[in-house]
Amino acid sequence: MITLHKIRMIAIVGVCLLVLIVIFQNTRTVETRLLFMTVSMPRALLLIITFVAGFASGTLFVSGLLKRPEKTKAKVHDKA
């Protein structure tokens, strides 16, 4: 019988393989303009930077929602 641990390991290996495929298929250099700068970098690096920035901003947003002051939570519950 397949255990949850084996399923998790298969999923991790599958995701790692997909990441490697994306990286190796996107090695071409692209120019990215940001305000007044132009930066040349591999497309895979640009994808990784975009992913990390999105993950970080999403994490900060969610942690801000979860750490509401108690007064705000009480007001929200009173309105419902």
C-alpha atoms as a PDB file:
ATOM      1  CA  MET A   1       0.000   0.000   0.000  1.00  0.00           C
ATOM      2  CA  ILE A   2       1.272   3.459  -0.862  1.00  0.00           C
ATOM      3  CA  THR A   3       1.688   5.606   2.198  1.00  0.00           C
ATOM      4  CA  LEU A   4       1.242   9.351   2.461  1.00  0.00           C
ATOM      5  CA  HIS A   5       5.023   9.718   2.775  1.00  0.00           C
ATOM      6  CA  LYS A   6       5.601   7.986  -0.580  1.00  0.00           C
ATOM      7  CA  ILE A   7       2.940  10.098  -2.292  1.00  0.00           C
ATOM      8  CA  ARG A   8       4.530  13.254  -0.918  1.00  0.00           C
ATOM      9  CA  MET A   9       7.983  12.178  -2.120  1.00  0.00           C
ATOM     10  CA  ILE A  10       6.634  11.402  -5.601  1.00  0.00           C
ATOM     11  CA  ALA A  11       4.970  14.825  -5.731  1.00  0.00           C
ATOM     12  CA  ILE A  12       8.178  16.582  -4.627  1.00  0.00           C
ATOM     13  CA  VAL A  13      10.254  14.741  -7.233  1.00  0.00           C
ATOM     14  CA  GLY A  14       7.665  15.554  -9.912  1.00  0.00           C
ATOM     15  CA  VAL A  15       7.663  19.260  -9.062  1.00  0.00           C
ATOM     16  CA  CYS A  16      11.474  19.332  -9.030  1.00  0.00           C
ATOM     17  CA  LEU A  17      11.566  17.708 -12.474  1.00  0.00           C
ATOM     18  CA  LEU A  18       9.081  20.274 -13.822  1.00  0.00           C
ATOM     19  CA  VAL A  19      11.164  23.113 -12.390  1.00  0.00           C
ATOM     20  CA  LEU A  20      14.314  21.720 -14.011  1.00  0.00           C
ATOM     21  CA  ILE A  21      12.517  21.402 -17.370  1.00  0.00           C
ATOM     22  CA  VAL A  22      11.329  25.024 -17.177  1.00  0.00           C
ATOM     23  CA  ILE A  23      14.820  26.234 -16.243  1.00  0.00           C
ATOM     24  CA  PHE A  24      16.566  24.359 -19.057  1.00  0.00           C
ATOM     25  CA  GLN A  25      14.017  25.472 -21.651  1.00  0.00           C
ATOM     26  CA  ASN A  26      14.277  29.139 -20.670  1.00  0.00           C
ATOM     27  CA  THR A  27      18.011  29.832 -20.761  1.00  0.00           C
ATOM     28  CA  ARG A  28      17.787  32.505 -23.444  1.00  0.00           C
ATOM     29  CA  THR A  29      18.796  35.985 -22.319  1.00  0.00           C
ATOM     30  CA  VAL A  30      16.055  38.606 -22.214  1.00  0.00           C
ATOM     31  CA  GLU A  31      16.211  42.336 -21.578  1.00  0.00           C
ATOM     32  CA  THR A  32      13.957  43.586 -18.819  1.00  0.00           C
ATOM     33  CA  ARG A  33      13.225  47.274 -18.370  1.00  0.00           C
ATOM     34  CA  LEU A  34      12.381  48.486 -14.888  1.00  0.00           C
ATOM     35  CA  LEU A  35      11.779  52.224 -14.654  1.00  0.00           C
ATOM     36  CA  PHE A  36      15.051  53.722 -15.906  1.00  0.00           C
ATOM     37  CA  MET A  37      17.177  50.543 -15.936  1.00  0.00           C
ATOM     38  CA  THR A  38      17.593  47.791 -18.497  1.00  0.00           C
ATOM     39  CA  VAL A  39      18.813  44.458 -17.160  1.00  0.00           C
ATOM     40  CA  SER A  40      19.825  41.418 -19.234  1.00  0.00           C
ATOM     41  CA  MET A  41      19.294  38.045 -17.572  1.00  0.00           C
ATOM     42  CA  PRO A  42      18.219  34.509 -18.427  1.00  0.00           C
ATOM     43  CA  ARG A  43      14.469  34.100 -18.674  1.00  0.00           C
ATOM     44  CA  ALA A  44      14.557  31.349 -16.023  1.00  0.00           C
ATOM     45  CA  LEU A  45      16.110  33.766 -13.528  1.00  0.00           C
ATOM     46  CA  LEU A  46      13.395  36.308 -14.309  1.00  0.00           C
ATOM     47  CA  LEU A  47      10.746  33.648 -13.671  1.00  0.00           C
ATOM     48  CA  ILE A  48      12.337  32.693 -10.348  1.00  0.00           C
ATOM     49  CA  ILE A  49      12.565  36.343  -9.234  1.00  0.00           C
ATOM     50  CA  THR A  50       8.921  36.900 -10.187  1.00  0.00           C
ATOM     51  CA  PHE A  51       7.844  33.775  -8.294  1.00  0.00           C
ATOM     52  CA  VAL A  52       9.777  34.741  -5.155  1.00  0.00           C
ATOM     53  CA  ALA A  53       8.407  38.304  -5.243  1.00  0.00           C
ATOM     54  CA  GLY A  54       4.839  37.030  -5.621  1.00  0.00           C
ATOM     55  CA  PHE A  55       5.260  34.431  -2.894  1.00  0.00           C
ATOM     56  CA  ALA A  56       6.770  36.985  -0.493  1.00  0.00           C
ATOM     57  CA  SER A  57       4.075  39.583  -1.130  1.00  0.00           C
ATOM     58  CA  GLY A  58       1.334  36.973  -0.760  1.00  0.00           C
ATOM     59  CA  THR A  59       2.831  35.723   2.496  1.00  0.00           C
ATOM     60  CA  LEU A  60       3.084  39.256   3.883  1.00  0.00           C
ATOM     61  CA  PHE A  61      -0.489  40.011   2.838  1.00  0.00           C
ATOM     62  CA  VAL A  62      -1.901  36.875   4.450  1.00  0.00           C
ATOM     63  CA  SER A  63       0.136  37.317   7.631  1.00  0.00           C
ATOM     64  CA  GLY A  64      -1.197  40.882   7.863  1.00  0.00           C
ATOM     65  CA  LEU A  65      -4.750  39.566   7.596  1.00  0.00           C
ATOM     66  CA  LEU A  66      -4.163  36.910  10.226  1.00  0.00           C
ATOM     67  CA  LYS A  67      -2.580  39.310  12.733  1.00  0.00           C
ATOM     68  CA  ARG A  68      -5.531  41.706  12.998  1.00  0.00           C
ATOM     69  CA  PRO A  69      -5.949  43.498  16.296  1.00  0.00           C
ATOM     70  CA  GLU A  70      -8.602  42.025  18.567  1.00  0.00           C
ATOM     71  CA  LYS A  71     -10.724  45.209  18.394  1.00  0.00           C
ATOM     72  CA  THR A  72     -11.053  44.896  14.633  1.00  0.00           C
ATOM     73  CA  LYS A  73     -12.037  41.236  14.895  1.00  0.00           C
ATOM     74  CA  ALA A  74     -14.726  42.097  17.485  1.00  0.00           C
ATOM     75  CA  LYS A  75     -16.174  44.824  15.233  1.00  0.00           C
ATOM     76  CA  VAL A  76     -16.299  42.457  12.274  1.00  0.00           C
ATOM     77  CA  HIS A  77     -18.134  39.802  14.326  1.00  0.00           C
ATOM     78  CA  ASP A  78     -20.613  42.359  15.715  1.00  0.00           C
ATOM     79  CA  LYS A  79     -21.600  43.454  12.195  1.00  0.00           C
ATOM     80  CA  ALA A  80     -22.315  39.889  11.073  1.00  0.00           C
END
